[in-house]
Amino acid sequence: MATQVPTPAYPHGNDSELARRALKTLRRAVEAHSDPQQPVEMRVTDGGQLEMPRAAADLMMRILGKMAAGQGVTVVPMNAELTTQQAADILNVSRPYLVGLLESQEIKYRMVGTHRRVLADSLYEYKRRTSVAQKDAADELSALGQDTGII
């Protein structure tokens, strides 16, 4: 059975402002801990201490940044198995297009009966690869434009 992907959390009311302030506070706490191998420590309002792994603090800053910008956020475990529709939604492509990517072995998946289950880790690796390729293509176009005097 596919891992249930949580419904996105969308900011409402003054959530974006709260996220912006929380991001600012968390960023200061992370910057105070220059060693990325050490946990991030913060004092919380009840007087206690909060200690979290640096990777979790970095992820929380990205979540807060998106919410501060008014965007919804979902956290997907990397070992999740997604339906083809969930994977297509993450890539913002049609389900038939995603199925083509799966069949051309661009993204790993497994069959569960007659249904494809997409490995989240493989899906995000595909996103990273395509993002790098897009950036490289844009850089090449920019350089070509400068060489020809168009830009």
N, C-alpha and C. Protein backbone atom coordinates (compact mmCIF):
# COMPACT_ATOMS: atom_id res chain seq x y z
N MET A 1 0.84 -1.18 0.00
CA MET A 1 0.00 0.00 0.00
C MET A 1 0.88 1.24 0.00
N ALA A 2 0.50 2.28 -0.73
CA ALA A 2 1.28 3.52 -0.82
C ALA A 2 1.26 4.25 0.50
N THR A 3 2.37 4.91 0.80
CA THR A 3 2.45 5.74 1.98
C THR A 3 1.52 6.92 1.80
N GLN A 4 0.73 7.21 2.81
CA GLN A 4 -0.18 8.35 2.74
C GLN A 4 0.62 9.64 2.80
N VAL A 5 0.51 10.46 1.76
CA VAL A 5 1.20 11.74 1.73
C VAL A 5 0.31 12.75 2.44
N PRO A 6 0.85 13.46 3.44
CA PRO A 6 0.03 14.41 4.18
C PRO A 6 -0.53 15.51 3.28
N THR A 7 -1.67 16.02 3.68
CA THR A 7 -2.27 17.16 2.99
C THR A 7 -1.40 18.38 3.26
N PRO A 8 -1.18 19.22 2.26
CA PRO A 8 -0.35 20.41 2.49
C PRO A 8 -0.93 21.30 3.59
N ALA A 9 -0.05 21.92 4.33
CA ALA A 9 -0.45 22.92 5.33
C ALA A 9 -0.35 24.28 4.66
N TYR A 10 -1.48 24.95 4.53
CA TYR A 10 -1.52 26.28 3.91
C TYR A 10 -1.63 27.34 4.99
N PRO A 11 -0.88 28.44 4.86
CA PRO A 11 -1.01 29.51 5.85
C PRO A 11 -2.36 30.22 5.71
N HIS A 12 -2.96 30.54 6.83
CA HIS A 12 -4.23 31.27 6.87
C HIS A 12 -4.07 32.46 7.81
N GLY A 13 -4.90 33.46 7.63
CA GLY A 13 -4.87 34.62 8.52
C GLY A 13 -3.49 35.23 8.58
N ASN A 14 -2.98 35.36 9.81
CA ASN A 14 -1.65 35.96 9.97
C ASN A 14 -0.55 34.91 10.07
N ASP A 15 -0.81 33.68 9.60
CA ASP A 15 0.20 32.62 9.64
C ASP A 15 1.47 33.00 8.89
N SER A 16 1.33 33.70 7.77
CA SER A 16 2.52 34.08 7.00
C SER A 16 3.42 35.01 7.81
N GLU A 17 2.81 35.93 8.53
CA GLU A 17 3.59 36.84 9.37
C GLU A 17 4.24 36.08 10.53
N LEU A 18 3.50 35.18 11.15
CA LEU A 18 4.07 34.36 12.23
C LEU A 18 5.23 33.52 11.70
N ALA A 19 5.07 32.95 10.51
CA ALA A 19 6.13 32.14 9.91
C ALA A 19 7.36 33.01 9.63
N ARG A 20 7.15 34.24 9.15
CA ARG A 20 8.27 35.15 8.87
C ARG A 20 9.04 35.44 10.14
N ARG A 21 8.34 35.72 11.25
CA ARG A 21 9.02 36.01 12.51
C ARG A 21 9.72 34.77 13.06
N ALA A 22 9.07 33.61 12.95
CA ALA A 22 9.69 32.37 13.42
C ALA A 22 10.94 32.05 12.61
N LEU A 23 10.87 32.29 11.30
CA LEU A 23 12.02 32.06 10.43
C LEU A 23 13.19 32.94 10.85
N LYS A 24 12.92 34.19 11.13
CA LYS A 24 13.97 35.12 11.55
C LYS A 24 14.63 34.64 12.85
N THR A 25 13.82 34.20 13.80
CA THR A 25 14.34 33.71 15.07
C THR A 25 15.14 32.43 14.89
N LEU A 26 14.61 31.51 14.11
CA LEU A 26 15.31 30.25 13.88
C LEU A 26 16.61 30.48 13.12
N ARG A 27 16.60 31.37 12.16
CA ARG A 27 17.82 31.68 11.39
C ARG A 27 18.92 32.19 12.33
N ARG A 28 18.55 33.07 13.27
CA ARG A 28 19.55 33.57 14.24
C ARG A 28 20.11 32.42 15.07
N ALA A 29 19.24 31.50 15.50
CA ALA A 29 19.70 30.37 16.31
C ALA A 29 20.64 29.47 15.50
N VAL A 30 20.33 29.23 14.24
CA VAL A 30 21.18 28.39 13.39
C VAL A 30 22.52 29.08 13.15
N GLU A 31 22.49 30.38 12.87
CA GLU A 31 23.73 31.11 12.61
C GLU A 31 24.63 31.17 13.84
N ALA A 32 24.04 31.08 15.02
CA ALA A 32 24.83 31.08 16.26
C ALA A 32 25.58 29.77 16.46
N HIS A 33 25.19 28.75 15.71
CA HIS A 33 25.83 27.43 15.79
C HIS A 33 26.57 27.18 14.48
N SER A 34 27.82 27.59 14.42
CA SER A 34 28.56 27.54 13.16
C SER A 34 28.93 26.11 12.74
N ASP A 35 28.98 25.17 13.67
CA ASP A 35 29.35 23.81 13.33
C ASP A 35 28.11 23.05 12.86
N PRO A 36 28.05 22.69 11.57
CA PRO A 36 26.86 22.01 11.06
C PRO A 36 26.65 20.61 11.63
N GLN A 37 27.66 20.08 12.34
CA GLN A 37 27.53 18.75 12.95
C GLN A 37 26.89 18.83 14.34
N GLN A 38 26.82 20.03 14.89
CA GLN A 38 26.27 20.19 16.23
C GLN A 38 24.79 20.53 16.15
N PRO A 39 24.01 20.08 17.14
CA PRO A 39 22.59 20.41 17.14
C PRO A 39 22.36 21.90 17.39
N VAL A 40 21.20 22.37 16.98
CA VAL A 40 20.81 23.76 17.20
C VAL A 40 20.04 23.80 18.51
N GLU A 41 20.42 24.73 19.38
CA GLU A 41 19.77 24.85 20.68
C GLU A 41 19.09 26.21 20.76
N MET A 42 17.88 26.20 21.35
CA MET A 42 17.13 27.45 21.54
C MET A 42 16.40 27.38 22.87
N ARG A 43 16.21 28.53 23.45
CA ARG A 43 15.39 28.63 24.66
C ARG A 43 13.95 28.84 24.20
N VAL A 44 13.02 28.14 24.82
CA VAL A 44 11.62 28.30 24.46
C VAL A 44 10.89 29.06 25.56
N THR A 45 9.68 29.51 25.26
CA THR A 45 8.98 30.44 26.16
C THR A 45 8.72 29.88 27.55
N ASP A 46 8.63 28.57 27.71
CA ASP A 46 8.39 28.03 29.05
C ASP A 46 9.67 27.94 29.87
N GLY A 47 10.78 28.45 29.31
CA GLY A 47 12.06 28.44 30.02
C GLY A 47 12.90 27.22 29.71
N GLY A 48 12.34 26.26 28.99
CA GLY A 48 13.08 25.05 28.66
C GLY A 48 14.00 25.26 27.47
N GLN A 49 14.74 24.22 27.15
CA GLN A 49 15.66 24.25 26.01
C GLN A 49 15.13 23.33 24.93
N LEU A 50 15.24 23.78 23.71
CA LEU A 50 14.89 22.96 22.56
C LEU A 50 16.19 22.66 21.83
N GLU A 51 16.43 21.39 21.57
CA GLU A 51 17.62 20.98 20.85
C GLU A 51 17.16 20.13 19.67
N MET A 52 17.60 20.50 18.47
CA MET A 52 17.22 19.73 17.29
C MET A 52 18.41 19.55 16.38
N PRO A 53 18.40 18.47 15.60
CA PRO A 53 19.49 18.27 14.64
C PRO A 53 19.56 19.44 13.67
N ARG A 54 20.76 19.77 13.23
CA ARG A 54 20.95 20.88 12.29
C ARG A 54 20.13 20.67 11.03
N ALA A 55 20.08 19.43 10.53
CA ALA A 55 19.32 19.14 9.31
C ALA A 55 17.84 19.45 9.51
N ALA A 56 17.32 19.17 10.70
CA ALA A 56 15.91 19.46 10.99
C ALA A 56 15.69 20.98 11.04
N ALA A 57 16.65 21.70 11.60
CA ALA A 57 16.53 23.16 11.66
C ALA A 57 16.58 23.75 10.25
N ASP A 58 17.45 23.23 9.39
CA ASP A 58 17.52 23.70 8.00
C ASP A 58 16.21 23.43 7.27
N LEU A 59 15.65 22.24 7.48
CA LEU A 59 14.37 21.90 6.86
C LEU A 59 13.26 22.81 7.38
N MET A 60 13.25 23.06 8.67
CA MET A 60 12.23 23.92 9.26
C MET A 60 12.34 25.34 8.70
N MET A 61 13.56 25.82 8.45
CA MET A 61 13.72 27.15 7.85
C MET A 61 13.12 27.17 6.44
N ARG A 62 13.31 26.09 5.69
CA ARG A 62 12.72 26.06 4.34
C ARG A 62 11.20 26.03 4.41
N ILE A 63 10.66 25.27 5.36
CA ILE A 63 9.20 25.21 5.54
C ILE A 63 8.66 26.58 5.92
N LEU A 64 9.30 27.22 6.89
CA LEU A 64 8.85 28.54 7.33
C LEU A 64 8.97 29.58 6.22
N GLY A 65 10.02 29.47 5.41
CA GLY A 65 10.20 30.39 4.29
C GLY A 65 9.06 30.28 3.29
N LYS A 66 8.66 29.04 2.98
CA LYS A 66 7.54 28.84 2.05
C LYS A 66 6.24 29.37 2.65
N MET A 67 6.01 29.08 3.92
CA MET A 67 4.79 29.57 4.56
C MET A 67 4.77 31.09 4.66
N ALA A 68 5.93 31.69 4.93
CA ALA A 68 6.02 33.15 5.00
C ALA A 68 5.67 33.77 3.65
N ALA A 69 5.96 33.02 2.58
CA ALA A 69 5.64 33.48 1.22
C ALA A 69 4.21 33.14 0.83
N GLY A 70 3.44 32.57 1.77
CA GLY A 70 2.04 32.25 1.51
C GLY A 70 1.82 30.93 0.80
N GLN A 71 2.85 30.10 0.72
CA GLN A 71 2.74 28.83 0.01
C GLN A 71 2.43 27.68 0.96
N GLY A 72 1.69 26.69 0.47
CA GLY A 72 1.43 25.49 1.23
C GLY A 72 2.66 24.60 1.24
N VAL A 73 2.77 23.75 2.26
CA VAL A 73 3.95 22.91 2.44
C VAL A 73 3.51 21.50 2.84
N THR A 74 4.19 20.50 2.28
CA THR A 74 3.99 19.11 2.66
C THR A 74 5.36 18.49 2.87
N VAL A 75 5.48 17.65 3.87
CA VAL A 75 6.72 16.91 4.10
C VAL A 75 6.47 15.47 3.67
N VAL A 76 7.33 14.96 2.79
CA VAL A 76 7.20 13.59 2.29
C VAL A 76 8.44 12.82 2.71
N PRO A 77 8.29 11.73 3.46
CA PRO A 77 9.46 10.92 3.81
C PRO A 77 10.11 10.36 2.55
N MET A 78 11.43 10.29 2.54
CA MET A 78 12.15 9.84 1.34
C MET A 78 11.89 8.37 1.03
N ASN A 79 11.46 7.58 2.02
CA ASN A 79 11.17 6.17 1.76
C ASN A 79 9.71 5.94 1.40
N ALA A 80 8.95 7.02 1.21
CA ALA A 80 7.54 6.88 0.86
C ALA A 80 7.39 6.29 -0.54
N GLU A 81 6.34 5.55 -0.70
CA GLU A 81 5.95 5.06 -2.01
C GLU A 81 4.68 5.81 -2.40
N LEU A 82 4.74 6.49 -3.52
CA LEU A 82 3.66 7.36 -3.94
C LEU A 82 2.87 6.74 -5.08
N THR A 83 1.60 7.10 -5.18
CA THR A 83 0.84 6.71 -6.36
C THR A 83 1.35 7.54 -7.53
N THR A 84 1.00 7.12 -8.73
CA THR A 84 1.44 7.88 -9.90
C THR A 84 0.82 9.28 -9.89
N GLN A 85 -0.41 9.41 -9.38
CA GLN A 85 -1.02 10.74 -9.33
C GLN A 85 -0.31 11.63 -8.32
N GLN A 86 0.04 11.09 -7.16
CA GLN A 86 0.77 11.88 -6.16
C GLN A 86 2.12 12.34 -6.73
N ALA A 87 2.82 11.42 -7.40
CA ALA A 87 4.13 11.76 -7.98
C ALA A 87 3.97 12.80 -9.08
N ALA A 88 2.95 12.66 -9.92
CA ALA A 88 2.71 13.63 -10.98
C ALA A 88 2.40 15.01 -10.39
N ASP A 89 1.63 15.03 -9.31
CA ASP A 89 1.32 16.31 -8.65
C ASP A 89 2.58 16.98 -8.11
N ILE A 90 3.49 16.19 -7.55
CA ILE A 90 4.74 16.76 -7.01
C ILE A 90 5.58 17.36 -8.14
N LEU A 91 5.61 16.68 -9.29
CA LEU A 91 6.38 17.20 -10.43
C LEU A 91 5.61 18.25 -11.22
N ASN A 92 4.34 18.39 -10.92
CA ASN A 92 3.47 19.32 -11.64
C ASN A 92 3.39 18.95 -13.13
N VAL A 93 3.20 17.65 -13.38
CA VAL A 93 3.03 17.14 -14.73
C VAL A 93 1.78 16.25 -14.75
N SER A 94 1.35 15.87 -15.93
CA SER A 94 0.20 14.97 -16.03
C SER A 94 0.61 13.56 -15.63
N ARG A 95 -0.38 12.78 -15.21
CA ARG A 95 -0.10 11.40 -14.84
C ARG A 95 0.42 10.60 -16.04
N PRO A 96 -0.17 10.74 -17.25
CA PRO A 96 0.38 10.01 -18.40
C PRO A 96 1.85 10.38 -18.70
N TYR A 97 2.20 11.65 -18.53
CA TYR A 97 3.59 12.06 -18.76
C TYR A 97 4.50 11.37 -17.74
N LEU A 98 4.06 11.33 -16.47
CA LEU A 98 4.84 10.66 -15.43
C LEU A 98 5.00 9.18 -15.76
N VAL A 99 3.94 8.53 -16.19
CA VAL A 99 4.02 7.11 -16.54
C VAL A 99 5.08 6.91 -17.64
N GLY A 100 5.16 7.83 -18.59
CA GLY A 100 6.19 7.75 -19.61
C GLY A 100 7.59 7.82 -19.00
N LEU A 101 7.77 8.70 -18.02
CA LEU A 101 9.06 8.79 -17.33
C LEU A 101 9.40 7.49 -16.61
N LEU A 102 8.38 6.88 -16.01
CA LEU A 102 8.60 5.62 -15.31
C LEU A 102 8.99 4.52 -16.29
N GLU A 103 8.25 4.44 -17.39
CA GLU A 103 8.51 3.38 -18.37
C GLU A 103 9.85 3.56 -19.08
N SER A 104 10.31 4.81 -19.17
CA SER A 104 11.64 5.04 -19.77
C SER A 104 12.76 4.94 -18.72
N GLN A 105 12.39 4.52 -17.52
CA GLN A 105 13.31 4.29 -16.41
C GLN A 105 14.02 5.55 -15.93
N GLU A 106 13.40 6.72 -16.15
CA GLU A 106 13.94 7.98 -15.61
C GLU A 106 13.74 8.04 -14.09
N ILE A 107 12.68 7.39 -13.61
CA ILE A 107 12.33 7.38 -12.19
C ILE A 107 12.03 5.94 -11.81
N LYS A 108 12.57 5.52 -10.67
CA LYS A 108 12.36 4.14 -10.21
C LYS A 108 10.96 3.98 -9.63
N TYR A 109 10.41 2.80 -9.84
CA TYR A 109 9.11 2.48 -9.28
C TYR A 109 9.04 0.97 -9.10
N ARG A 110 7.99 0.51 -8.45
CA ARG A 110 7.75 -0.93 -8.36
C ARG A 110 6.28 -1.18 -8.61
N MET A 111 5.99 -2.38 -9.01
CA MET A 111 4.61 -2.75 -9.27
C MET A 111 4.03 -3.41 -8.03
N VAL A 112 2.83 -3.01 -7.68
CA VAL A 112 2.06 -3.64 -6.60
C VAL A 112 0.77 -4.10 -7.26
N GLY A 113 0.74 -5.36 -7.61
CA GLY A 113 -0.37 -5.86 -8.42
C GLY A 113 -0.28 -5.20 -9.79
N THR A 114 -1.32 -4.46 -10.16
CA THR A 114 -1.31 -3.77 -11.45
C THR A 114 -1.00 -2.28 -11.30
N HIS A 115 -0.65 -1.86 -10.08
CA HIS A 115 -0.43 -0.45 -9.81
C HIS A 115 1.06 -0.14 -9.65
N ARG A 116 1.47 1.00 -10.16
CA ARG A 116 2.85 1.46 -10.00
C ARG A 116 2.95 2.25 -8.70
N ARG A 117 4.04 2.03 -7.97
CA ARG A 117 4.33 2.81 -6.78
C ARG A 117 5.69 3.48 -7.02
N VAL A 118 5.69 4.79 -6.94
CA VAL A 118 6.88 5.59 -7.23
C VAL A 118 7.66 5.81 -5.94
N LEU A 119 8.95 5.56 -5.99
CA LEU A 119 9.80 5.76 -4.81
C LEU A 119 10.11 7.25 -4.68
N ALA A 120 9.75 7.85 -3.56
CA ALA A 120 9.94 9.29 -3.37
C ALA A 120 11.40 9.68 -3.55
N ASP A 121 12.31 8.88 -3.06
CA ASP A 121 13.73 9.19 -3.19
C ASP A 121 14.12 9.31 -4.66
N SER A 122 13.63 8.39 -5.49
CA SER A 122 13.93 8.42 -6.91
C SER A 122 13.26 9.61 -7.59
N LEU A 123 12.06 9.95 -7.15
CA LEU A 123 11.34 11.10 -7.71
C LEU A 123 12.11 12.39 -7.46
N TYR A 124 12.59 12.57 -6.23
CA TYR A 124 13.32 13.80 -5.90
C TYR A 124 14.70 13.82 -6.55
N GLU A 125 15.30 12.65 -6.75
CA GLU A 125 16.57 12.60 -7.48
C GLU A 125 16.35 13.04 -8.92
N TYR A 126 15.25 12.62 -9.53
CA TYR A 126 14.91 13.06 -10.88
C TYR A 126 14.73 14.58 -10.91
N LYS A 127 14.03 15.12 -9.91
CA LYS A 127 13.85 16.58 -9.84
C LYS A 127 15.18 17.30 -9.75
N ARG A 128 16.11 16.77 -8.95
CA ARG A 128 17.44 17.38 -8.83
C ARG A 128 18.17 17.34 -10.16
N ARG A 129 18.15 16.19 -10.82
CA ARG A 129 18.83 16.05 -12.12
C ARG A 129 18.27 17.02 -13.15
N THR A 130 16.96 17.11 -13.24
CA THR A 130 16.36 17.99 -14.25
C THR A 130 16.60 19.45 -13.92
N SER A 131 16.62 19.77 -12.63
CA SER A 131 16.89 21.15 -12.22
C SER A 131 18.30 21.56 -12.63
N VAL A 132 19.27 20.68 -12.42
CA VAL A 132 20.66 20.96 -12.81
C VAL A 132 20.75 21.10 -14.33
N ALA A 133 20.07 20.21 -15.05
CA ALA A 133 20.11 20.27 -16.52
C ALA A 133 19.47 21.56 -17.02
N GLN A 134 18.38 22.00 -16.39
CA GLN A 134 17.73 23.24 -16.79
C GLN A 134 18.63 24.44 -16.51
N LYS A 135 19.30 24.43 -15.37
CA LYS A 135 20.20 25.53 -15.04
C LYS A 135 21.36 25.59 -16.02
N ASP A 136 21.92 24.41 -16.33
CA ASP A 136 23.02 24.36 -17.30
C ASP A 136 22.58 24.88 -18.67
N ALA A 137 21.39 24.50 -19.09
CA ALA A 137 20.88 24.96 -20.39
C ALA A 137 20.67 26.47 -20.38
N ALA A 138 20.14 27.01 -19.29
CA ALA A 138 19.94 28.46 -19.19
C ALA A 138 21.27 29.20 -19.20
N ASP A 139 22.27 28.65 -18.50
CA ASP A 139 23.60 29.26 -18.50
C ASP A 139 24.21 29.24 -19.90
N GLU A 140 24.02 28.13 -20.61
CA GLU A 140 24.56 28.02 -21.96
C GLU A 140 23.87 29.01 -22.90
N LEU A 141 22.56 29.15 -22.77
CA LEU A 141 21.83 30.12 -23.59
C LEU A 141 22.29 31.55 -23.30
N SER A 142 22.48 31.83 -22.03
CA SER A 142 22.94 33.17 -21.64
C SER A 142 24.32 33.46 -22.22
N ALA A 143 25.22 32.49 -22.12
CA ALA A 143 26.57 32.67 -22.66
C ALA A 143 26.52 32.83 -24.19
N LEU A 144 25.68 32.06 -24.84
CA LEU A 144 25.53 32.15 -26.29
C LEU A 144 24.99 33.51 -26.68
N GLY A 145 24.03 34.01 -25.91
CA GLY A 145 23.47 35.34 -26.17
C GLY A 145 24.51 36.43 -26.02
N GLN A 146 25.36 36.30 -25.01
CA GLN A 146 26.41 37.30 -24.82
C GLN A 146 27.46 37.22 -25.92
N ASP A 147 27.79 35.99 -26.34
CA ASP A 147 28.78 35.82 -27.40
C ASP A 147 28.30 36.41 -28.73
N THR A 148 27.02 36.31 -28.99
CA THR A 148 26.48 36.79 -30.26
C THR A 148 26.03 38.25 -30.17
N GLY A 149 26.09 38.83 -28.99
CA GLY A 149 25.71 40.23 -28.81
C GLY A 149 24.23 40.46 -28.68
N ILE A 150 23.46 39.39 -28.53
CA ILE A 150 22.00 39.55 -28.37
C ILE A 150 21.68 40.13 -27.00
N ILE A 151 22.43 39.72 -26.01
CA ILE A 151 22.16 40.17 -24.63
C ILE A 151 23.14 41.28 -24.27
